[in-house]
Amino acid sequence: MNTDKIYAEQLANEYAPKDTSKVVALRKLDARAKRPATICAYSLGLLAALAMGVGMCLSMGVIGTGAAGMFVFGVILGLLGLLGMGLNYPLYRRLLEKGKRKYAYDIMRLAKEISGQ
């Protein structure tokens, strides 16, 4: 088996213009199914990481007055950030499954049309 030939064909297929609107529609449907889960995951992850970081800074006295109340608030804020990070992946998986279920019929129909079955 000539691996150079396989590699060349794979690259040619990758760079070949995709004129069929069905392939473009299939890619758009796939992106539309995954987009809400991705946006939610990045947003929640960012907010949770920021909350944990601010909580750590408050509890160590880097920012704030360094009083006992700020320490307690910092620990609570840090724990909420950790909780958000822990819930991020299960929430992402649930939203991804929901999006896949929503667009499954259309994606399967287009994929069958493209493959010619």
C-alpha atoms as a PDB file:
ATOM      1  CA  MET A   1       0.000   0.000   0.000  1.00  0.00           C
ATOM      2  CA  ASN A   2       1.442   3.341  -1.014  1.00  0.00           C
ATOM      3  CA  THR A   3       1.050   5.725   1.913  1.00  0.00           C
ATOM      4  CA  ASP A   4       2.285   8.702  -0.112  1.00  0.00           C
ATOM      5  CA  LYS A   5      -0.564   8.248  -2.565  1.00  0.00           C
ATOM      6  CA  ILE A   6      -3.129   7.994   0.232  1.00  0.00           C
ATOM      7  CA  TYR A   7      -1.711  11.108   1.869  1.00  0.00           C
ATOM      8  CA  ALA A   8      -1.770  13.019  -1.420  1.00  0.00           C
ATOM      9  CA  GLU A   9      -5.397  12.047  -2.082  1.00  0.00           C
ATOM     10  CA  GLN A  10      -6.375  13.061   1.430  1.00  0.00           C
ATOM     11  CA  LEU A  11      -4.756  16.486   1.007  1.00  0.00           C
ATOM     12  CA  ALA A  12      -6.336  16.931  -2.409  1.00  0.00           C
ATOM     13  CA  ASN A  13      -9.767  16.178  -0.975  1.00  0.00           C
ATOM     14  CA  GLU A  14      -9.181  18.625   1.837  1.00  0.00           C
ATOM     15  CA  TYR A  15      -8.285  21.475  -0.505  1.00  0.00           C
ATOM     16  CA  ALA A  16     -10.800  20.653  -3.223  1.00  0.00           C
ATOM     17  CA  PRO A  17     -13.628  23.194  -3.451  1.00  0.00           C
ATOM     18  CA  LYS A  18     -16.815  21.974  -1.903  1.00  0.00           C
ATOM     19  CA  ASP A  19     -19.352  23.098  -4.465  1.00  0.00           C
ATOM     20  CA  THR A  20     -22.198  20.999  -3.183  1.00  0.00           C
ATOM     21  CA  SER A  21     -24.533  22.990  -1.024  1.00  0.00           C
ATOM     22  CA  LYS A  22     -25.511  19.856   0.863  1.00  0.00           C
ATOM     23  CA  VAL A  23     -22.028  19.495   2.347  1.00  0.00           C
ATOM     24  CA  VAL A  24     -22.054  23.149   3.384  1.00  0.00           C
ATOM     25  CA  ALA A  25     -25.531  22.746   4.877  1.00  0.00           C
ATOM     26  CA  LEU A  26     -24.391  19.645   6.751  1.00  0.00           C
ATOM     27  CA  ARG A  27     -21.427  21.504   8.246  1.00  0.00           C
ATOM     28  CA  LYS A  28     -23.649  24.424   9.250  1.00  0.00           C
ATOM     29  CA  LEU A  29     -26.151  22.102  10.924  1.00  0.00           C
ATOM     30  CA  ASP A  30     -23.343  20.374  12.798  1.00  0.00           C
ATOM     31  CA  ALA A  31     -21.972  23.719  13.992  1.00  0.00           C
ATOM     32  CA  ARG A  32     -25.452  24.892  14.964  1.00  0.00           C
ATOM     33  CA  ALA A  33     -25.977  21.763  17.050  1.00  0.00           C
ATOM     34  CA  LYS A  34     -22.690  22.240  18.946  1.00  0.00           C
ATOM     35  CA  ARG A  35     -22.582  26.042  19.295  1.00  0.00           C
ATOM     36  CA  PRO A  36     -24.825  26.537  22.395  1.00  0.00           C
ATOM     37  CA  ALA A  37     -22.926  23.923  24.392  1.00  0.00           C
ATOM     38  CA  THR A  38     -19.566  25.418  23.444  1.00  0.00           C
ATOM     39  CA  ILE A  39     -20.597  28.988  24.268  1.00  0.00           C
ATOM     40  CA  CYS A  40     -22.015  27.925  27.613  1.00  0.00           C
ATOM     41  CA  ALA A  41     -18.919  25.903  28.490  1.00  0.00           C
ATOM     42  CA  TYR A  42     -16.513  28.726  27.699  1.00  0.00           C
ATOM     43  CA  SER A  43     -18.637  31.329  29.498  1.00  0.00           C
ATOM     44  CA  LEU A  44     -19.187  29.290  32.642  1.00  0.00           C
ATOM     45  CA  GLY A  45     -15.562  28.169  32.708  1.00  0.00           C
ATOM     46  CA  LEU A  46     -14.321  31.724  32.411  1.00  0.00           C
ATOM     47  CA  LEU A  47     -16.641  33.045  35.111  1.00  0.00           C
ATOM     48  CA  ALA A  48     -15.886  30.156  37.459  1.00  0.00           C
ATOM     49  CA  ALA A  49     -12.126  30.560  37.025  1.00  0.00           C
ATOM     50  CA  LEU A  50     -12.380  34.293  37.670  1.00  0.00           C
ATOM     51  CA  ALA A  51     -14.528  33.727  40.757  1.00  0.00           C
ATOM     52  CA  MET A  52     -12.053  31.207  42.127  1.00  0.00           C
ATOM     53  CA  GLY A  53      -9.119  33.512  41.439  1.00  0.00           C
ATOM     54  CA  VAL A  54     -10.750  36.498  43.099  1.00  0.00           C
ATOM     55  CA  GLY A  55     -11.753  34.304  46.023  1.00  0.00           C
ATOM     56  CA  MET A  56      -8.176  33.118  46.438  1.00  0.00           C
ATOM     57  CA  CYS A  57      -6.867  36.677  46.333  1.00  0.00           C
ATOM     58  CA  LEU A  58      -9.416  37.804  48.908  1.00  0.00           C
ATOM     59  CA  SER A  59      -8.687  34.916  51.239  1.00  0.00           C
ATOM     60  CA  MET A  60      -4.914  35.466  51.060  1.00  0.00           C
ATOM     61  CA  GLY A  61      -5.229  39.208  51.566  1.00  0.00           C
ATOM     62  CA  VAL A  62      -3.759  40.186  48.194  1.00  0.00           C
ATOM     63  CA  ILE A  63      -6.806  42.325  47.477  1.00  0.00           C
ATOM     64  CA  GLY A  64      -9.263  43.707  49.991  1.00  0.00           C
ATOM     65  CA  THR A  65      -8.679  44.756  53.567  1.00  0.00           C
ATOM     66  CA  GLY A  66      -7.405  41.438  54.873  1.00  0.00           C
ATOM     67  CA  ALA A  67     -10.071  41.319  57.571  1.00  0.00           C
ATOM     68  CA  ALA A  68     -11.621  38.089  58.785  1.00  0.00           C
ATOM     69  CA  GLY A  69     -14.837  38.875  56.903  1.00  0.00           C
ATOM     70  CA  MET A  70     -12.952  39.208  53.643  1.00  0.00           C
ATOM     71  CA  PHE A  71     -11.198  35.888  54.303  1.00  0.00           C
ATOM     72  CA  VAL A  72     -14.530  34.110  54.777  1.00  0.00           C
ATOM     73  CA  PHE A  73     -16.017  35.808  51.713  1.00  0.00           C
ATOM     74  CA  GLY A  74     -12.939  34.837  49.692  1.00  0.00           C
ATOM     75  CA  VAL A  75     -13.187  31.187  50.722  1.00  0.00           C
ATOM     76  CA  ILE A  76     -16.886  31.090  49.852  1.00  0.00           C
ATOM     77  CA  LEU A  77     -16.267  32.785  46.497  1.00  0.00           C
ATOM     78  CA  GLY A  78     -13.410  30.376  45.747  1.00  0.00           C
ATOM     79  CA  LEU A  79     -15.575  27.379  46.566  1.00  0.00           C
ATOM     80  CA  LEU A  80     -18.339  28.698  44.311  1.00  0.00           C
ATOM     81  CA  GLY A  81     -15.777  29.016  41.536  1.00  0.00           C
ATOM     82  CA  LEU A  82     -14.628  25.444  42.075  1.00  0.00           C
ATOM     83  CA  LEU A  83     -18.249  24.294  42.052  1.00  0.00           C
ATOM     84  CA  GLY A  84     -18.798  26.087  38.745  1.00  0.00           C
ATOM     85  CA  MET A  85     -15.728  24.412  37.279  1.00  0.00           C
ATOM     86  CA  GLY A  86     -16.914  21.029  38.472  1.00  0.00           C
ATOM     87  CA  LEU A  87     -20.363  21.480  36.946  1.00  0.00           C
ATOM     88  CA  ASN A  88     -19.057  22.848  33.666  1.00  0.00           C
ATOM     89  CA  TYR A  89     -18.290  19.572  31.884  1.00  0.00           C
ATOM     90  CA  PRO A  90     -21.509  17.718  32.826  1.00  0.00           C
ATOM     91  CA  LEU A  91     -23.503  20.766  31.754  1.00  0.00           C
ATOM     92  CA  TYR A  92     -21.574  20.877  28.463  1.00  0.00           C
ATOM     93  CA  ARG A  93     -22.280  17.196  27.787  1.00  0.00           C
ATOM     94  CA  ARG A  94     -25.995  17.643  28.545  1.00  0.00           C
ATOM     95  CA  LEU A  95     -26.309  20.687  26.260  1.00  0.00           C
ATOM     96  CA  LEU A  96     -24.352  18.930  23.517  1.00  0.00           C
ATOM     97  CA  GLU A  97     -26.660  15.908  23.656  1.00  0.00           C
ATOM     98  CA  LYS A  98     -29.687  18.205  23.555  1.00  0.00           C
ATOM     99  CA  GLY A  99     -28.333  19.980  20.471  1.00  0.00           C
ATOM    100  CA  LYS A 100     -27.499  16.690  18.773  1.00  0.00           C
ATOM    101  CA  ARG A 101     -30.991  15.350  19.453  1.00  0.00           C
ATOM    102  CA  LYS A 102     -32.533  18.532  18.087  1.00  0.00           C
ATOM    103  CA  TYR A 103     -30.705  18.390  14.744  1.00  0.00           C
ATOM    104  CA  ALA A 104     -30.196  14.613  14.440  1.00  0.00           C
ATOM    105  CA  TYR A 105     -32.938  14.016  11.891  1.00  0.00           C
ATOM    106  CA  ASP A 106     -31.803  16.779   9.523  1.00  0.00           C
ATOM    107  CA  ILE A 107     -28.143  15.830   9.807  1.00  0.00           C
ATOM    108  CA  MET A 108     -28.827  12.137   9.178  1.00  0.00           C
ATOM    109  CA  ARG A 109     -31.069  12.937   6.202  1.00  0.00           C
ATOM    110  CA  LEU A 110     -28.436  15.179   4.604  1.00  0.00           C
ATOM    111  CA  ALA A 111     -25.645  12.700   5.312  1.00  0.00           C
ATOM    112  CA  LYS A 112     -27.606   9.921   3.617  1.00  0.00           C
ATOM    113  CA  GLU A 113     -28.301  12.139   0.611  1.00  0.00           C
ATOM    114  CA  ILE A 114     -24.628  13.020   0.277  1.00  0.00           C
ATOM    115  CA  SER A 115     -23.424   9.449   0.636  1.00  0.00           C
ATOM    116  CA  GLY A 116     -26.003   8.294  -1.914  1.00  0.00           C
ATOM    117  CA  GLN A 117     -27.743   5.670   0.170  1.00  0.00           C
END
